[in-house]
Full PDB file with SEQRES, HELIX, SHEET, SSBOND, CRYST1, ORIGX, SCALE, CONECT and MASTER records, all heavy atoms in Angstrom:
SEQRES   1 A   39  ASP GLY ALA THR ARG GLY GLY SER GLY LEU VAL VAL SER          
SEQRES   2 A   39  PRO VAL ARG VAL ARG SER PRO LEU ALA LEU ALA ARG ALA          
SEQRES   3 A   39  ARG TRP GLU HIS VAL PRO THR GLY PRO LEU GLY PHE LEU          
HELIX    1 AA1 GLY A    2  ARG A    5  5                                   4    
CRYST1    1.000    1.000    1.000  90.00  90.00  90.00 P 1           1          
ORIGX1      1.000000  0.000000  0.000000        0.00000                         
ORIGX2      0.000000  1.000000  0.000000        0.00000                         
ORIGX3      0.000000  0.000000  1.000000        0.00000                         
SCALE1      1.000000  0.000000  0.000000        0.00000                         
SCALE2      0.000000  1.000000  0.000000        0.00000                         
SCALE3      0.000000  0.000000  1.000000        0.00000                         
ATOM      1  N   ASP A   1      -1.149  12.474   1.085  1.00  0.00           N  
ATOM      2  CA  ASP A   1      -1.131  13.733   1.827  1.00  0.00           C  
ATOM      3  C   ASP A   1       0.138  14.497   1.493  1.00  0.00           C  
ATOM      4  O   ASP A   1       1.251  14.009   1.733  1.00  0.00           O  
ATOM      5  CB  ASP A   1      -1.203  13.436   3.325  1.00  0.00           C  
ATOM      6  CG  ASP A   1      -1.334  14.687   4.178  1.00  0.00           C  
ATOM      7  OD1 ASP A   1      -1.152  15.805   3.649  1.00  0.00           O  
ATOM      8  OD2 ASP A   1      -1.600  14.550   5.382  1.00  0.00           O  
ATOM      9  N   GLY A   2      -0.018  15.716   0.949  1.00  0.00           N  
ATOM     10  CA  GLY A   2       1.141  16.512   0.559  1.00  0.00           C  
ATOM     11  C   GLY A   2       2.071  16.871   1.698  1.00  0.00           C  
ATOM     12  O   GLY A   2       3.224  17.243   1.462  1.00  0.00           O  
ATOM     13  N   ALA A   3       1.618  16.750   2.956  1.00  0.00           N  
ATOM     14  CA  ALA A   3       2.480  17.067   4.096  1.00  0.00           C  
ATOM     15  C   ALA A   3       3.698  16.157   4.154  1.00  0.00           C  
ATOM     16  O   ALA A   3       4.733  16.531   4.719  1.00  0.00           O  
ATOM     17  CB  ALA A   3       1.684  16.965   5.394  1.00  0.00           C  
ATOM     18  N   THR A   4       3.600  14.951   3.565  1.00  0.00           N  
ATOM     19  CA  THR A   4       4.733  14.020   3.586  1.00  0.00           C  
ATOM     20  C   THR A   4       5.953  14.605   2.893  1.00  0.00           C  
ATOM     21  O   THR A   4       7.087  14.306   3.260  1.00  0.00           O  
ATOM     22  CB  THR A   4       4.333  12.687   2.919  1.00  0.00           C  
ATOM     23  OG1 THR A   4       3.237  12.130   3.646  1.00  0.00           O  
ATOM     24  CG2 THR A   4       5.485  11.696   2.910  1.00  0.00           C  
ATOM     25  N   ARG A   5       5.752  15.438   1.889  1.00  0.00           N  
ATOM     26  CA  ARG A   5       6.895  16.061   1.215  1.00  0.00           C  
ATOM     27  C   ARG A   5       7.021  17.541   1.574  1.00  0.00           C  
ATOM     28  O   ARG A   5       7.606  18.332   0.834  1.00  0.00           O  
ATOM     29  CB  ARG A   5       6.800  15.874  -0.297  1.00  0.00           C  
ATOM     30  CG  ARG A   5       5.637  16.551  -0.986  1.00  0.00           C  
ATOM     31  CD  ARG A   5       5.702  16.294  -2.489  1.00  0.00           C  
ATOM     32  NE  ARG A   5       4.702  17.065  -3.229  1.00  0.00           N  
ATOM     33  CZ  ARG A   5       4.488  16.933  -4.531  1.00  0.00           C  
ATOM     34  NH1 ARG A   5       5.204  16.069  -5.234  1.00  0.00           N  
ATOM     35  NH2 ARG A   5       3.584  17.667  -5.150  1.00  0.00           N  
ATOM     36  N   GLY A   6       6.434  17.921   2.696  1.00  0.00           N  
ATOM     37  CA  GLY A   6       6.592  19.283   3.187  1.00  0.00           C  
ATOM     38  C   GLY A   6       5.628  20.281   2.606  1.00  0.00           C  
ATOM     39  O   GLY A   6       5.828  21.492   2.760  1.00  0.00           O  
ATOM     40  N   GLY A   7       4.577  19.816   1.930  1.00  0.00           N  
ATOM     41  CA  GLY A   7       3.605  20.718   1.333  1.00  0.00           C  
ATOM     42  C   GLY A   7       2.257  20.588   2.005  1.00  0.00           C  
ATOM     43  O   GLY A   7       2.156  20.319   3.206  1.00  0.00           O  
ATOM     44  N   SER A   8       1.213  20.751   1.225  1.00  0.00           N  
ATOM     45  CA  SER A   8      -0.144  20.624   1.742  1.00  0.00           C  
ATOM     46  C   SER A   8      -1.047  20.127   0.631  1.00  0.00           C  
ATOM     47  O   SER A   8      -0.636  20.031  -0.533  1.00  0.00           O  
ATOM     48  CB  SER A   8      -0.654  21.972   2.263  1.00  0.00           C  
ATOM     49  OG  SER A   8      -0.662  22.937   1.218  1.00  0.00           O  
ATOM     50  N   GLY A   9      -2.284  19.813   0.981  1.00  0.00           N  
ATOM     51  CA  GLY A   9      -3.245  19.345  -0.005  1.00  0.00           C  
ATOM     52  C   GLY A   9      -2.991  17.918  -0.426  1.00  0.00           C  
ATOM     53  O   GLY A   9      -2.188  17.191   0.172  1.00  0.00           O  
ATOM     54  N   LEU A  10      -3.672  17.518  -1.479  1.00  0.00           N  
ATOM     55  CA  LEU A  10      -3.618  16.156  -1.969  1.00  0.00           C  
ATOM     56  C   LEU A  10      -2.668  16.067  -3.157  1.00  0.00           C  
ATOM     57  O   LEU A  10      -2.716  16.893  -4.066  1.00  0.00           O  
ATOM     58  CB  LEU A  10      -5.021  15.720  -2.384  1.00  0.00           C  
ATOM     59  CG  LEU A  10      -5.301  14.233  -2.530  1.00  0.00           C  
ATOM     60  CD1 LEU A  10      -5.190  13.522  -1.188  1.00  0.00           C  
ATOM     61  CD2 LEU A  10      -6.689  14.028  -3.136  1.00  0.00           C  
ATOM     62  N   VAL A  11      -1.805  15.065  -3.153  1.00  0.00           N  
ATOM     63  CA  VAL A  11      -0.901  14.792  -4.268  1.00  0.00           C  
ATOM     64  C   VAL A  11      -1.388  13.520  -4.954  1.00  0.00           C  
ATOM     65  O   VAL A  11      -1.437  12.457  -4.332  1.00  0.00           O  
ATOM     66  CB  VAL A  11       0.547  14.620  -3.796  1.00  0.00           C  
ATOM     67  CG1 VAL A  11       1.459  14.267  -4.980  1.00  0.00           C  
ATOM     68  CG2 VAL A  11       1.041  15.875  -3.100  1.00  0.00           C  
ATOM     69  N   VAL A  12      -1.784  13.627  -6.223  1.00  0.00           N  
ATOM     70  CA  VAL A  12      -2.283  12.475  -6.976  1.00  0.00           C  
ATOM     71  C   VAL A  12      -1.299  12.161  -8.107  1.00  0.00           C  
ATOM     72  O   VAL A  12      -0.996  13.035  -8.930  1.00  0.00           O  
ATOM     73  CB  VAL A  12      -3.685  12.730  -7.545  1.00  0.00           C  
ATOM     74  CG1 VAL A  12      -4.163  11.520  -8.340  1.00  0.00           C  
ATOM     75  CG2 VAL A  12      -4.669  13.055  -6.417  1.00  0.00           C  
ATOM     76  N   SER A  13      -0.809  10.931  -8.129  1.00  0.00           N  
ATOM     77  CA  SER A  13       0.195  10.514  -9.111  1.00  0.00           C  
ATOM     78  C   SER A  13      -0.345   9.366  -9.950  1.00  0.00           C  
ATOM     79  O   SER A  13      -0.969   8.444  -9.419  1.00  0.00           O  
ATOM     80  CB  SER A  13       1.480  10.074  -8.402  1.00  0.00           C  
ATOM     81  OG  SER A  13       1.955  11.085  -7.541  1.00  0.00           O  
ATOM     82  N   PRO A  14      -0.106   9.411 -11.268  1.00  0.00           N  
ATOM     83  CA  PRO A  14      -0.596   8.327 -12.128  1.00  0.00           C  
ATOM     84  C   PRO A  14       0.301   7.103 -12.093  1.00  0.00           C  
ATOM     85  O   PRO A  14       1.528   7.207 -11.992  1.00  0.00           O  
ATOM     86  CB  PRO A  14      -0.592   8.971 -13.516  1.00  0.00           C  
ATOM     87  CG  PRO A  14       0.538   9.965 -13.447  1.00  0.00           C  
ATOM     88  CD  PRO A  14       0.546  10.483 -12.038  1.00  0.00           C  
ATOM     89  N   VAL A  15      -0.320   5.937 -12.165  1.00  0.00           N  
ATOM     90  CA  VAL A  15       0.406   4.673 -12.220  1.00  0.00           C  
ATOM     91  C   VAL A  15      -0.202   3.827 -13.335  1.00  0.00           C  
ATOM     92  O   VAL A  15      -1.425   3.744 -13.456  1.00  0.00           O  
ATOM     93  CB  VAL A  15       0.319   3.906 -10.885  1.00  0.00           C  
ATOM     94  CG1 VAL A  15       1.064   2.571 -10.984  1.00  0.00           C  
ATOM     95  CG2 VAL A  15       0.883   4.735  -9.746  1.00  0.00           C  
ATOM     96  N   ARG A  16       0.659   3.197 -14.122  1.00  0.00           N  
ATOM     97  CA  ARG A  16       0.209   2.282 -15.166  1.00  0.00           C  
ATOM     98  C   ARG A  16       0.999   0.980 -15.030  1.00  0.00           C  
ATOM     99  O   ARG A  16       2.224   1.016 -14.893  1.00  0.00           O  
ATOM    100  CB  ARG A  16       0.416   2.904 -16.553  1.00  0.00           C  
ATOM    101  CG  ARG A  16      -0.493   4.106 -16.799  1.00  0.00           C  
ATOM    102  CD  ARG A  16      -0.113   4.881 -18.032  1.00  0.00           C  
ATOM    103  NE  ARG A  16       1.187   5.515 -17.933  1.00  0.00           N  
ATOM    104  CZ  ARG A  16       1.434   6.624 -17.235  1.00  0.00           C  
ATOM    105  NH1 ARG A  16       0.473   7.203 -16.547  1.00  0.00           N  
ATOM    106  NH2 ARG A  16       2.635   7.150 -17.214  1.00  0.00           N  
ATOM    107  N   VAL A  17       0.268  -0.128 -15.050  1.00  0.00           N  
ATOM    108  CA  VAL A  17       0.886  -1.440 -14.836  1.00  0.00           C  
ATOM    109  C   VAL A  17       0.462  -2.384 -15.957  1.00  0.00           C  
ATOM    110  O   VAL A  17      -0.712  -2.425 -16.337  1.00  0.00           O  
ATOM    111  CB  VAL A  17       0.470  -2.046 -13.479  1.00  0.00           C  
ATOM    112  CG1 VAL A  17       1.186  -3.387 -13.268  1.00  0.00           C  
ATOM    113  CG2 VAL A  17       0.781  -1.093 -12.336  1.00  0.00           C  
ATOM    114  N   ARG A  18       1.421  -3.137 -16.451  1.00  0.00           N  
ATOM    115  CA  ARG A  18       1.161  -4.197 -17.431  1.00  0.00           C  
ATOM    116  C   ARG A  18       1.789  -5.473 -16.902  1.00  0.00           C  
ATOM    117  O   ARG A  18       2.985  -5.491 -16.563  1.00  0.00           O  
ATOM    118  CB  ARG A  18       1.773  -3.817 -18.779  1.00  0.00           C  
ATOM    119  CG  ARG A  18       1.461  -4.805 -19.900  1.00  0.00           C  
ATOM    120  CD  ARG A  18       2.033  -4.324 -21.220  1.00  0.00           C  
ATOM    121  NE  ARG A  18       3.482  -4.366 -21.258  1.00  0.00           N  
ATOM    122  CZ  ARG A  18       4.279  -3.312 -21.177  1.00  0.00           C  
ATOM    123  NH1 ARG A  18       3.775  -2.100 -21.041  1.00  0.00           N  
ATOM    124  NH2 ARG A  18       5.598  -3.448 -21.226  1.00  0.00           N  
ATOM    125  N   SER A  19       0.972  -6.531 -16.779  1.00  0.00           N  
ATOM    126  CA  SER A  19       1.510  -7.758 -16.200  1.00  0.00           C  
ATOM    127  C   SER A  19       0.574  -8.934 -16.440  1.00  0.00           C  
ATOM    128  O   SER A  19      -0.651  -8.756 -16.462  1.00  0.00           O  
ATOM    129  CB  SER A  19       1.696  -7.592 -14.689  1.00  0.00           C  
ATOM    130  OG  SER A  19       2.144  -8.791 -14.097  1.00  0.00           O  
ATOM    131  N   PRO A  20       1.107 -10.147 -16.564  1.00  0.00           N  
ATOM    132  CA  PRO A  20       0.258 -11.323 -16.411  1.00  0.00           C  
ATOM    133  C   PRO A  20      -0.174 -11.418 -14.944  1.00  0.00           C  
ATOM    134  O   PRO A  20       0.641 -11.230 -14.039  1.00  0.00           O  
ATOM    135  CB  PRO A  20       1.174 -12.494 -16.793  1.00  0.00           C  
ATOM    136  CG  PRO A  20       2.360 -11.872 -17.452  1.00  0.00           C  
ATOM    137  CD  PRO A  20       2.500 -10.504 -16.891  1.00  0.00           C  
ATOM    138  N   LEU A  21      -1.452 -11.706 -14.706  1.00  0.00           N  
ATOM    139  CA  LEU A  21      -1.973 -11.837 -13.342  1.00  0.00           C  
ATOM    140  C   LEU A  21      -2.507 -13.244 -13.131  1.00  0.00           C  
ATOM    141  O   LEU A  21      -3.147 -13.826 -14.014  1.00  0.00           O  
ATOM    142  CB  LEU A  21      -3.083 -10.827 -13.079  1.00  0.00           C  
ATOM    143  CG  LEU A  21      -2.694  -9.363 -12.953  1.00  0.00           C  
ATOM    144  CD1 LEU A  21      -3.931  -8.512 -12.697  1.00  0.00           C  
ATOM    145  CD2 LEU A  21      -1.670  -9.159 -11.830  1.00  0.00           C  
ATOM    146  N   ALA A  22      -2.264 -13.783 -11.946  1.00  0.00           N  
ATOM    147  CA  ALA A  22      -2.771 -15.096 -11.567  1.00  0.00           C  
ATOM    148  C   ALA A  22      -3.235 -15.044 -10.121  1.00  0.00           C  
ATOM    149  O   ALA A  22      -2.976 -14.067  -9.405  1.00  0.00           O  
ATOM    150  CB  ALA A  22      -1.687 -16.158 -11.746  1.00  0.00           C  
ATOM    151  N   LEU A  23      -3.934 -16.086  -9.697  1.00  0.00           N  
ATOM    152  CA  LEU A  23      -4.310 -16.243  -8.303  1.00  0.00           C  
ATOM    153  C   LEU A  23      -3.365 -17.244  -7.646  1.00  0.00           C  
ATOM    154  O   LEU A  23      -2.850 -18.157  -8.297  1.00  0.00           O  
ATOM    155  CB  LEU A  23      -5.747 -16.740  -8.178  1.00  0.00           C  
ATOM    156  CG  LEU A  23      -6.837 -15.788  -8.676  1.00  0.00           C  
ATOM    157  CD1 LEU A  23      -8.193 -16.467  -8.575  1.00  0.00           C  
ATOM    158  CD2 LEU A  23      -6.826 -14.490  -7.880  1.00  0.00           C  
ATOM    159  N   ALA A  24      -3.151 -17.066  -6.340  1.00  0.00           N  
ATOM    160  CA  ALA A  24      -2.261 -17.967  -5.612  1.00  0.00           C  
ATOM    161  C   ALA A  24      -2.878 -18.330  -4.272  1.00  0.00           C  
ATOM    162  O   ALA A  24      -3.736 -17.618  -3.745  1.00  0.00           O  
ATOM    163  CB  ALA A  24      -0.896 -17.321  -5.400  1.00  0.00           C  
ATOM    164  N   ARG A  25      -2.402 -19.419  -3.721  1.00  0.00           N  
ATOM    165  CA  ARG A  25      -2.708 -19.770  -2.340  1.00  0.00           C  
ATOM    166  C   ARG A  25      -1.499 -19.356  -1.502  1.00  0.00           C  
ATOM    167  O   ARG A  25      -0.373 -19.757  -1.790  1.00  0.00           O  
ATOM    168  CB  ARG A  25      -2.962 -21.271  -2.196  1.00  0.00           C  
ATOM    169  CG  ARG A  25      -3.464 -21.668  -0.804  1.00  0.00           C  
ATOM    170  CD  ARG A  25      -3.629 -23.185  -0.697  1.00  0.00           C  
ATOM    171  NE  ARG A  25      -4.553 -23.693  -1.697  1.00  0.00           N  
ATOM    172  CZ  ARG A  25      -5.876 -23.641  -1.584  1.00  0.00           C  
ATOM    173  NH1 ARG A  25      -6.435 -23.081  -0.518  1.00  0.00           N  
ATOM    174  NH2 ARG A  25      -6.636 -24.152  -2.532  1.00  0.00           N  
ATOM    175  N   ALA A  26      -1.745 -18.548  -0.476  1.00  0.00           N  
ATOM    176  CA  ALA A  26      -0.642 -18.022   0.321  1.00  0.00           C  
ATOM    177  C   ALA A  26      -1.090 -17.818   1.761  1.00  0.00           C  
ATOM    178  O   ALA A  26      -2.290 -17.643   2.045  1.00  0.00           O  
ATOM    179  CB  ALA A  26      -0.130 -16.708  -0.262  1.00  0.00           C  
ATOM    180  N   ARG A  27      -0.138 -17.819   2.660  1.00  0.00           N  
ATOM    181  CA  ARG A  27      -0.421 -17.578   4.078  1.00  0.00           C  
ATOM    182  C   ARG A  27       0.150 -16.209   4.462  1.00  0.00           C  
ATOM    183  O   ARG A  27       1.352 -15.988   4.407  1.00  0.00           O  
ATOM    184  CB  ARG A  27       0.199 -18.667   4.941  1.00  0.00           C  
ATOM    185  CG  ARG A  27      -0.095 -18.512   6.430  1.00  0.00           C  
ATOM    186  CD  ARG A  27       0.449 -19.684   7.217  1.00  0.00           C  
ATOM    187  NE  ARG A  27       0.166 -19.550   8.635  1.00  0.00           N  
ATOM    188  CZ  ARG A  27       0.515 -20.427   9.555  1.00  0.00           C  
ATOM    189  NH1 ARG A  27       1.177 -21.532   9.186  1.00  0.00           N  
ATOM    190  NH2 ARG A  27       0.220 -20.244  10.815  1.00  0.00           N  
ATOM    191  N   TRP A  28      -0.754 -15.307   4.830  1.00  0.00           N  
ATOM    192  CA  TRP A  28      -0.389 -13.957   5.239  1.00  0.00           C  
ATOM    193  C   TRP A  28      -0.412 -13.880   6.769  1.00  0.00           C  
ATOM    194  O   TRP A  28      -1.410 -14.267   7.396  1.00  0.00           O  
ATOM    195  CB  TRP A  28      -1.364 -12.938   4.673  1.00  0.00           C  
ATOM    196  CG  TRP A  28      -1.385 -12.855   3.186  1.00  0.00           C  
ATOM    197  CD1 TRP A  28      -1.965 -13.735   2.319  1.00  0.00           C  
ATOM    198  CD2 TRP A  28      -0.812 -11.824   2.378  1.00  0.00           C  
ATOM    199  NE1 TRP A  28      -1.793 -13.325   1.019  1.00  0.00           N  
ATOM    200  CE2 TRP A  28      -1.087 -12.142   1.024  1.00  0.00           C  
ATOM    201  CE3 TRP A  28      -0.117 -10.649   2.664  1.00  0.00           C  
ATOM    202  CZ2 TRP A  28      -0.676 -11.347  -0.038  1.00  0.00           C  
ATOM    203  CZ3 TRP A  28       0.300  -9.846   1.621  1.00  0.00           C  
ATOM    204  CH2 TRP A  28       0.026 -10.189   0.287  1.00  0.00           C  
ATOM    205  N   GLU A  29       0.651 -13.365   7.367  1.00  0.00           N  
ATOM    206  CA  GLU A  29       0.692 -13.199   8.817  1.00  0.00           C  
ATOM    207  C   GLU A  29       1.179 -11.791   9.154  1.00  0.00           C  
ATOM    208  O   GLU A  29       2.146 -11.297   8.547  1.00  0.00           O  
ATOM    209  CB  GLU A  29       1.593 -14.245   9.469  1.00  0.00           C  
ATOM    210  CG  GLU A  29       1.049 -15.670   9.357  1.00  0.00           C  
ATOM    211  CD  GLU A  29       1.825 -16.657  10.207  1.00  0.00           C  
ATOM    212  OE1 GLU A  29       2.920 -16.285  10.699  1.00  0.00           O  
ATOM    213  OE2 GLU A  29       1.343 -17.788  10.369  1.00  0.00           O  
ATOM    214  N   HIS A  30       0.507 -11.160  10.126  1.00  0.00           N  
ATOM    215  CA  HIS A  30       0.856  -9.818  10.579  1.00  0.00           C  
ATOM    216  C   HIS A  30       0.868  -9.817  12.093  1.00  0.00           C  
ATOM    217  O   HIS A  30      -0.070 -10.308  12.727  1.00  0.00           O  
ATOM    218  CB  HIS A  30      -0.144  -8.788  10.050  1.00  0.00           C  
ATOM    219  CG  HIS A  30      -0.283  -8.799   8.561  1.00  0.00           C  
ATOM    220  ND1 HIS A  30      -1.203  -9.605   7.893  1.00  0.00           N  
ATOM    221  CD2 HIS A  30       0.394  -8.127   7.595  1.00  0.00           C  
ATOM    222  CE1 HIS A  30      -1.084  -9.426   6.592  1.00  0.00           C  
ATOM    223  NE2 HIS A  30      -0.136  -8.541   6.383  1.00  0.00           N  
ATOM    224  N   VAL A  31       1.911  -9.278  12.685  1.00  0.00           N  
ATOM    225  CA  VAL A  31       2.046  -9.269  14.139  1.00  0.00           C  
ATOM    226  C   VAL A  31       0.991  -8.343  14.740  1.00  0.00           C  
ATOM    227  O   VAL A  31       0.902  -7.170  14.352  1.00  0.00           O  
ATOM    228  CB  VAL A  31       3.463  -8.811  14.541  1.00  0.00           C  
ATOM    229  CG1 VAL A  31       3.593  -8.692  16.057  1.00  0.00           C  
ATOM    230  CG2 VAL A  31       4.507  -9.789  13.989  1.00  0.00           C  
ATOM    231  N   PRO A  32       0.167  -8.827  15.687  1.00  0.00           N  
ATOM    232  CA  PRO A  32      -0.921  -7.999  16.218  1.00  0.00           C  
ATOM    233  C   PRO A  32      -0.468  -6.700  16.846  1.00  0.00           C  
ATOM    234  O   PRO A  32      -1.179  -5.691  16.783  1.00  0.00           O  
ATOM    235  CB  PRO A  32      -1.587  -8.924  17.249  1.00  0.00           C  
ATOM    236  CG  PRO A  32      -1.237 -10.312  16.806  1.00  0.00           C  
ATOM    237  CD  PRO A  32       0.130 -10.210  16.197  1.00  0.00           C  
ATOM    238  N   THR A  33       0.706  -6.697  17.462  1.00  0.00           N  
ATOM    239  CA  THR A  33       1.195  -5.493  18.129  1.00  0.00           C  
ATOM    240  C   THR A  33       2.036  -4.605  17.216  1.00  0.00           C  
ATOM    241  O   THR A  33       2.534  -3.570  17.649  1.00  0.00           O  
ATOM    242  CB  THR A  33       2.029  -5.867  19.364  1.00  0.00           C  
ATOM    243  OG1 THR A  33       3.092  -6.748  18.957  1.00  0.00           O  
ATOM    244  CG2 THR A  33       1.163  -6.565  20.402  1.00  0.00           C  
ATOM    245  N   GLY A  34       2.191  -5.003  15.969  1.00  0.00           N  
ATOM    246  CA  GLY A  34       2.996  -4.229  15.027  1.00  0.00           C  
ATOM    247  C   GLY A  34       2.177  -3.197  14.291  1.00  0.00           C  
ATOM    248  O   GLY A  34       0.959  -3.069  14.483  1.00  0.00           O  
ATOM    249  N   PRO A  35       2.818  -2.437  13.401  1.00  0.00           N  
ATOM    250  CA  PRO A  35       2.115  -1.368  12.678  1.00  0.00           C  
ATOM    251  C   PRO A  35       1.048  -1.863  11.715  1.00  0.00           C  
ATOM    252  O   PRO A  35       0.196  -1.081  11.300  1.00  0.00           O  
ATOM    253  CB  PRO A  35       3.247  -0.654  11.928  1.00  0.00           C  
ATOM    254  CG  PRO A  35       4.360  -1.654  11.845  1.00  0.00           C  
ATOM    255  CD  PRO A  35       4.253  -2.470  13.092  1.00  0.00           C  
ATOM    256  N   LEU A  36       1.073  -3.149  11.362  1.00  0.00           N  
ATOM    257  CA  LEU A  36       0.032  -3.716  10.503  1.00  0.00           C  
ATOM    258  C   LEU A  36      -0.916  -4.612  11.296  1.00  0.00           C  
ATOM    259  O   LEU A  36      -1.547  -5.518  10.750  1.00  0.00           O  
ATOM    260  CB  LEU A  36       0.665  -4.510   9.348  1.00  0.00           C  
ATOM    261  CG  LEU A  36       1.580  -3.702   8.415  1.00  0.00           C  
ATOM    262  CD1 LEU A  36       2.079  -4.579   7.270  1.00  0.00           C  
ATOM    263  CD2 LEU A  36       0.867  -2.471   7.864  1.00  0.00           C  
ATOM    264  N   GLY A  37      -1.048  -4.318  12.585  1.00  0.00           N  
ATOM    265  CA  GLY A  37      -1.905  -5.117  13.446  1.00  0.00           C  
ATOM    266  C   GLY A  37      -3.354  -5.134  13.010  1.00  0.00           C  
ATOM    267  O   GLY A  37      -4.094  -6.074  13.349  1.00  0.00           O  
ATOM    268  N   PHE A  38      -3.796  -4.134  12.241  1.00  0.00           N  
ATOM    269  CA  PHE A  38      -5.185  -4.121  11.771  1.00  0.00           C  
ATOM    270  C   PHE A  38      -5.473  -5.242  10.775  1.00  0.00           C  
ATOM    271  O   PHE A  38      -6.637  -5.518  10.463  1.00  0.00           O  
ATOM    272  CB  PHE A  38      -5.532  -2.761  11.152  1.00  0.00           C  
ATOM    273  CG  PHE A  38      -4.633  -2.329  10.028  1.00  0.00           C  
ATOM    274  CD1 PHE A  38      -4.921  -2.658   8.722  1.00  0.00           C  
ATOM    275  CD2 PHE A  38      -3.492  -1.591  10.290  1.00  0.00           C  
ATOM    276  CE1 PHE A  38      -4.097  -2.266   7.679  1.00  0.00           C  
ATOM    277  CE2 PHE A  38      -2.651  -1.181   9.261  1.00  0.00           C  
ATOM    278  CZ  PHE A  38      -2.952  -1.518   7.958  1.00  0.00           C  
ATOM    279  N   LEU A  39      -4.414  -5.907  10.285  1.00  0.00           N  
ATOM    280  CA  LEU A  39      -4.599  -7.065   9.397  1.00  0.00           C  
ATOM    281  C   LEU A  39      -4.369  -8.392  10.112  1.00  0.00           C  
ATOM    282  O   LEU A  39      -4.561  -9.457   9.515  1.00  0.00           O  
ATOM    283  CB  LEU A  39      -3.647  -6.972   8.203  1.00  0.00           C  
ATOM    284  CG  LEU A  39      -3.899  -5.842   7.208  1.00  0.00           C  
ATOM    285  CD1 LEU A  39      -2.847  -5.866   6.100  1.00  0.00           C  
ATOM    286  CD2 LEU A  39      -5.305  -5.919   6.616  1.00  0.00           C  
TER     287      LEU A  39                                                      
MASTER        0    0    0    1    0    0    0    6  286    1    0    3          
END                                                                             
């Protein structure tokens, strides 16, 4: 949202990533009352 930088409309920025990728076993925790409570 362009309003974040004081403008309007949609701001679309390109991203390019190069990396080795793997899978992991991990424990994700998010506080229910925090800003990421939806997770």
